[in-house]
């Protein structure tokens, strides 16, 4: 993924922030694989309890992973700001994800002083066709823009 310079948060710092401030992300097993200025690659490792009737990965897992990945992309540009929050998240499910790790490729499209807007492509590991496309907006607290 192309970036806009180096990330303002390291993988280790992001993992620490999630463990301390967002323990549900750890419970879901969400992982940050890579991060750069304005982008992030994340994954939700396959778990049998993620399957819904019909043998597909449940939508809430996909949406949660997308939100997690977009959060990482936002923090890659603004640094460790735990109070950056989702204000909207729109998910378009494109095809049935197979029982496998789900990969998320997030990138920021616009970063302003108060809002960040980005997109996430979700894929089943080993497949090229996306299973979902997600767009989202994050609110950035005023204290973050003073940095």
C-alpha atoms as a PDB file:
ATOM      1  CA  UNK A   1       0.000   0.000   0.000  1.00  0.00           C
ATOM      2  CA  UNK A   2       1.208   3.448  -0.761  1.00  0.00           C
ATOM      3  CA  UNK A   3       1.543   5.736   2.188  1.00  0.00           C
ATOM      4  CA  UNK A   4       2.010   9.345   2.984  1.00  0.00           C
ATOM      5  CA  UNK A   5       5.211   9.008   4.937  1.00  0.00           C
ATOM      6  CA  UNK A   6       5.829   7.058   8.069  1.00  0.00           C
ATOM      7  CA  UNK A   7       3.140   6.174  10.559  1.00  0.00           C
ATOM      8  CA  UNK A   8       2.785   8.330  13.674  1.00  0.00           C
ATOM      9  CA  UNK A   9       2.163   5.190  15.744  1.00  0.00           C
ATOM     10  CA  UNK A  10       4.128   1.947  15.744  1.00  0.00           C
ATOM     11  CA  UNK A  11       2.622  -1.527  15.624  1.00  0.00           C
ATOM     12  CA  UNK A  12       3.803  -2.100  19.194  1.00  0.00           C
ATOM     13  CA  UNK A  13       2.224   1.146  20.411  1.00  0.00           C
ATOM     14  CA  UNK A  14      -1.037   0.374  18.585  1.00  0.00           C
ATOM     15  CA  UNK A  15      -1.130  -3.144  20.086  1.00  0.00           C
ATOM     16  CA  UNK A  16      -0.538  -1.671  23.562  1.00  0.00           C
ATOM     17  CA  UNK A  17      -3.279   0.926  23.092  1.00  0.00           C
ATOM     18  CA  UNK A  18      -5.729  -1.809  22.017  1.00  0.00           C
ATOM     19  CA  UNK A  19      -4.831  -4.021  24.973  1.00  0.00           C
ATOM     20  CA  UNK A  20      -5.287  -1.139  27.435  1.00  0.00           C
ATOM     21  CA  UNK A  21      -8.159   0.854  25.913  1.00  0.00           C
ATOM     22  CA  UNK A  22      -9.975  -1.561  23.551  1.00  0.00           C
ATOM     23  CA  UNK A  23      -9.790  -5.039  25.089  1.00  0.00           C
ATOM     24  CA  UNK A  24     -12.676  -6.283  22.931  1.00  0.00           C
ATOM     25  CA  UNK A  25     -10.353  -6.101  19.900  1.00  0.00           C
ATOM     26  CA  UNK A  26      -8.026  -8.525  21.666  1.00  0.00           C
ATOM     27  CA  UNK A  27     -10.983 -10.783  22.541  1.00  0.00           C
ATOM     28  CA  UNK A  28     -11.977 -10.906  18.862  1.00  0.00           C
ATOM     29  CA  UNK A  29      -8.373 -11.711  17.926  1.00  0.00           C
ATOM     30  CA  UNK A  30      -8.032  -8.712  15.599  1.00  0.00           C
ATOM     31  CA  UNK A  31      -4.402  -8.104  14.614  1.00  0.00           C
ATOM     32  CA  UNK A  32      -2.523  -5.291  12.981  1.00  0.00           C
ATOM     33  CA  UNK A  33      -0.205  -6.804  10.346  1.00  0.00           C
ATOM     34  CA  UNK A  34       1.322  -3.592   8.936  1.00  0.00           C
ATOM     35  CA  UNK A  35       0.893   0.160   9.205  1.00  0.00           C
ATOM     36  CA  UNK A  36       2.126   3.205   7.313  1.00  0.00           C
ATOM     37  CA  UNK A  37       1.211   6.852   6.888  1.00  0.00           C
ATOM     38  CA  UNK A  38      -2.499   6.731   6.044  1.00  0.00           C
ATOM     39  CA  UNK A  39      -2.959   2.976   5.691  1.00  0.00           C
ATOM     40  CA  UNK A  40      -3.132  -0.255   7.662  1.00  0.00           C
ATOM     41  CA  UNK A  41      -3.397  -3.985   6.975  1.00  0.00           C
ATOM     42  CA  UNK A  42      -5.206  -6.035   9.607  1.00  0.00           C
ATOM     43  CA  UNK A  43      -6.676  -9.495  10.037  1.00  0.00           C
ATOM     44  CA  UNK A  44      -9.270 -11.433  11.932  1.00  0.00           C
ATOM     45  CA  UNK A  45      -7.901 -14.957  12.326  1.00  0.00           C
ATOM     46  CA  UNK A  46     -10.446 -17.627  11.482  1.00  0.00           C
ATOM     47  CA  UNK A  47     -12.362 -18.952  14.474  1.00  0.00           C
ATOM     48  CA  UNK A  48     -15.137 -21.542  14.262  1.00  0.00           C
ATOM     49  CA  UNK A  49     -17.314 -19.332  16.500  1.00  0.00           C
ATOM     50  CA  UNK A  50     -17.222 -16.630  13.765  1.00  0.00           C
ATOM     51  CA  UNK A  51     -19.347 -18.772  11.470  1.00  0.00           C
ATOM     52  CA  UNK A  52     -23.043 -18.048  11.056  1.00  0.00           C
ATOM     53  CA  UNK A  53     -25.697 -20.306   9.513  1.00  0.00           C
ATOM     54  CA  UNK A  54     -24.804 -20.991   5.903  1.00  0.00           C
ATOM     55  CA  UNK A  55     -21.109 -21.482   6.674  1.00  0.00           C
ATOM     56  CA  UNK A  56     -20.031 -17.873   6.227  1.00  0.00           C
ATOM     57  CA  UNK A  57     -18.163 -15.430   8.468  1.00  0.00           C
ATOM     58  CA  UNK A  58     -20.686 -13.346  10.443  1.00  0.00           C
ATOM     59  CA  UNK A  59     -21.253  -9.756   9.336  1.00  0.00           C
ATOM     60  CA  UNK A  60     -20.470  -8.237  12.758  1.00  0.00           C
ATOM     61  CA  UNK A  61     -16.976  -9.779  12.586  1.00  0.00           C
ATOM     62  CA  UNK A  62     -16.428  -8.215   9.154  1.00  0.00           C
ATOM     63  CA  UNK A  63     -17.720  -4.812  10.244  1.00  0.00           C
ATOM     64  CA  UNK A  64     -15.706  -4.907  13.469  1.00  0.00           C
ATOM     65  CA  UNK A  65     -12.524  -5.748  11.574  1.00  0.00           C
ATOM     66  CA  UNK A  66     -13.153  -2.935   9.093  1.00  0.00           C
ATOM     67  CA  UNK A  67     -13.654  -0.439  11.927  1.00  0.00           C
ATOM     68  CA  UNK A  68     -10.489  -1.708  13.649  1.00  0.00           C
ATOM     69  CA  UNK A  69      -8.467  -1.335  10.430  1.00  0.00           C
ATOM     70  CA  UNK A  70      -9.795   2.152   9.741  1.00  0.00           C
ATOM     71  CA  UNK A  71      -8.984   3.163  13.323  1.00  0.00           C
ATOM     72  CA  UNK A  72      -5.395   2.002  12.742  1.00  0.00           C
ATOM     73  CA  UNK A  73      -5.209   3.996   9.494  1.00  0.00           C
ATOM     74  CA  UNK A  74      -6.501   7.113  11.276  1.00  0.00           C
ATOM     75  CA  UNK A  75      -3.999   6.730  14.132  1.00  0.00           C
ATOM     76  CA  UNK A  76      -1.238   6.203  11.587  1.00  0.00           C
ATOM     77  CA  UNK A  77      -1.698   9.869  10.672  1.00  0.00           C
ATOM     78  CA  UNK A  78      -2.673  11.480  14.002  1.00  0.00           C
ATOM     79  CA  UNK A  79      -0.769   9.333  16.510  1.00  0.00           C
ATOM     80  CA  UNK A  80      -2.073   7.617  19.651  1.00  0.00           C
ATOM     81  CA  UNK A  81      -5.419   9.356  20.148  1.00  0.00           C
ATOM     82  CA  UNK A  82      -7.731   6.849  21.880  1.00  0.00           C
ATOM     83  CA  UNK A  83     -10.736   9.191  21.694  1.00  0.00           C
ATOM     84  CA  UNK A  84     -10.860   9.283  17.889  1.00  0.00           C
ATOM     85  CA  UNK A  85     -14.241   7.629  17.328  1.00  0.00           C
ATOM     86  CA  UNK A  86     -16.317   6.236  14.498  1.00  0.00           C
ATOM     87  CA  UNK A  87     -19.141   8.536  13.414  1.00  0.00           C
ATOM     88  CA  UNK A  88     -20.287   6.485  10.440  1.00  0.00           C
ATOM     89  CA  UNK A  89     -19.521   3.097   8.923  1.00  0.00           C
ATOM     90  CA  UNK A  90     -21.148   1.830   5.730  1.00  0.00           C
ATOM     91  CA  UNK A  91     -20.631  -1.773   4.693  1.00  0.00           C
ATOM     92  CA  UNK A  92     -21.383  -3.243   1.291  1.00  0.00           C
ATOM     93  CA  UNK A  93     -21.224  -7.028   1.363  1.00  0.00           C
ATOM     94  CA  UNK A  94     -20.054  -8.174  -2.056  1.00  0.00           C
ATOM     95  CA  UNK A  95     -19.802 -11.938  -1.772  1.00  0.00           C
ATOM     96  CA  UNK A  96     -19.779 -14.705   0.782  1.00  0.00           C
ATOM     97  CA  UNK A  97     -16.498 -14.930   2.721  1.00  0.00           C
ATOM     98  CA  UNK A  98     -15.195 -18.448   3.044  1.00  0.00           C
ATOM     99  CA  UNK A  99     -14.120 -19.868   6.427  1.00  0.00           C
ATOM    100  CA  UNK A 100     -10.597 -18.413   6.526  1.00  0.00           C
ATOM    101  CA  UNK A 101      -8.726 -15.464   7.996  1.00  0.00           C
ATOM    102  CA  UNK A 102     -10.311 -12.187   6.906  1.00  0.00           C
ATOM    103  CA  UNK A 103      -7.882  -9.513   5.739  1.00  0.00           C
ATOM    104  CA  UNK A 104      -8.576  -5.784   5.843  1.00  0.00           C
ATOM    105  CA  UNK A 105      -6.774  -3.179   3.768  1.00  0.00           C
ATOM    106  CA  UNK A 106      -7.627   0.303   5.026  1.00  0.00           C
ATOM    107  CA  UNK A 107      -6.588   3.666   3.669  1.00  0.00           C
ATOM    108  CA  UNK A 108      -7.465   7.233   4.463  1.00  0.00           C
ATOM    109  CA  UNK A 109      -8.949   9.247   1.649  1.00  0.00           C
ATOM    110  CA  UNK A 110      -9.262  12.543   3.522  1.00  0.00           C
ATOM    111  CA  UNK A 111      -7.876  13.830   6.806  1.00  0.00           C
ATOM    112  CA  UNK A 112      -9.133  17.138   8.121  1.00  0.00           C
ATOM    113  CA  UNK A 113      -8.763  18.806  11.504  1.00  0.00           C
ATOM    114  CA  UNK A 114     -11.973  17.288  12.915  1.00  0.00           C
ATOM    115  CA  UNK A 115     -12.884  14.397  10.591  1.00  0.00           C
ATOM    116  CA  UNK A 116     -11.108  11.575   8.796  1.00  0.00           C
ATOM    117  CA  UNK A 117     -12.674   9.593   5.954  1.00  0.00           C
ATOM    118  CA  UNK A 118     -11.425   6.307   4.579  1.00  0.00           C
ATOM    119  CA  UNK A 119     -12.189   2.997   2.962  1.00  0.00           C
ATOM    120  CA  UNK A 120     -11.520  -0.638   3.758  1.00  0.00           C
ATOM    121  CA  UNK A 121     -11.419  -3.616   1.434  1.00  0.00           C
ATOM    122  CA  UNK A 122     -12.096  -6.971   3.111  1.00  0.00           C
ATOM    123  CA  UNK A 123     -10.859 -10.242   1.604  1.00  0.00           C
ATOM    124  CA  UNK A 124     -10.799 -13.903   2.525  1.00  0.00           C
ATOM    125  CA  UNK A 125      -7.156 -14.905   2.829  1.00  0.00           C
ATOM    126  CA  UNK A 126      -5.909 -16.498  -0.379  1.00  0.00           C
ATOM    127  CA  UNK A 127      -8.578 -14.926  -2.587  1.00  0.00           C
ATOM    128  CA  UNK A 128      -8.281 -11.832  -4.778  1.00  0.00           C
ATOM    129  CA  UNK A 129     -11.944 -10.830  -4.957  1.00  0.00           C
ATOM    130  CA  UNK A 130     -13.185  -8.635  -2.100  1.00  0.00           C
ATOM    131  CA  UNK A 131     -15.913  -9.912   0.194  1.00  0.00           C
ATOM    132  CA  UNK A 132     -16.903  -6.410   1.355  1.00  0.00           C
ATOM    133  CA  UNK A 133     -16.167  -2.739   0.803  1.00  0.00           C
ATOM    134  CA  UNK A 134     -16.500  -0.386   3.757  1.00  0.00           C
ATOM    135  CA  UNK A 135     -16.337   3.384   4.061  1.00  0.00           C
ATOM    136  CA  UNK A 136     -16.199   5.252   7.333  1.00  0.00           C
ATOM    137  CA  UNK A 137     -15.764   8.574   9.025  1.00  0.00           C
ATOM    138  CA  UNK A 138     -13.933   9.194  12.282  1.00  0.00           C
ATOM    139  CA  UNK A 139     -14.302  12.195  14.556  1.00  0.00           C
ATOM    140  CA  UNK A 140     -10.982  13.504  15.801  1.00  0.00           C
ATOM    141  CA  UNK A 141     -11.034  15.184  19.218  1.00  0.00           C
ATOM    142  CA  UNK A 142      -9.914  18.840  19.302  1.00  0.00           C
ATOM    143  CA  UNK A 143      -6.959  18.017  21.542  1.00  0.00           C
ATOM    144  CA  UNK A 144      -5.510  15.804  18.770  1.00  0.00           C
ATOM    145  CA  UNK A 145      -5.340  18.677  16.292  1.00  0.00           C
ATOM    146  CA  UNK A 146      -3.335  20.745  18.755  1.00  0.00           C
ATOM    147  CA  UNK A 147      -0.426  18.249  18.586  1.00  0.00           C
END
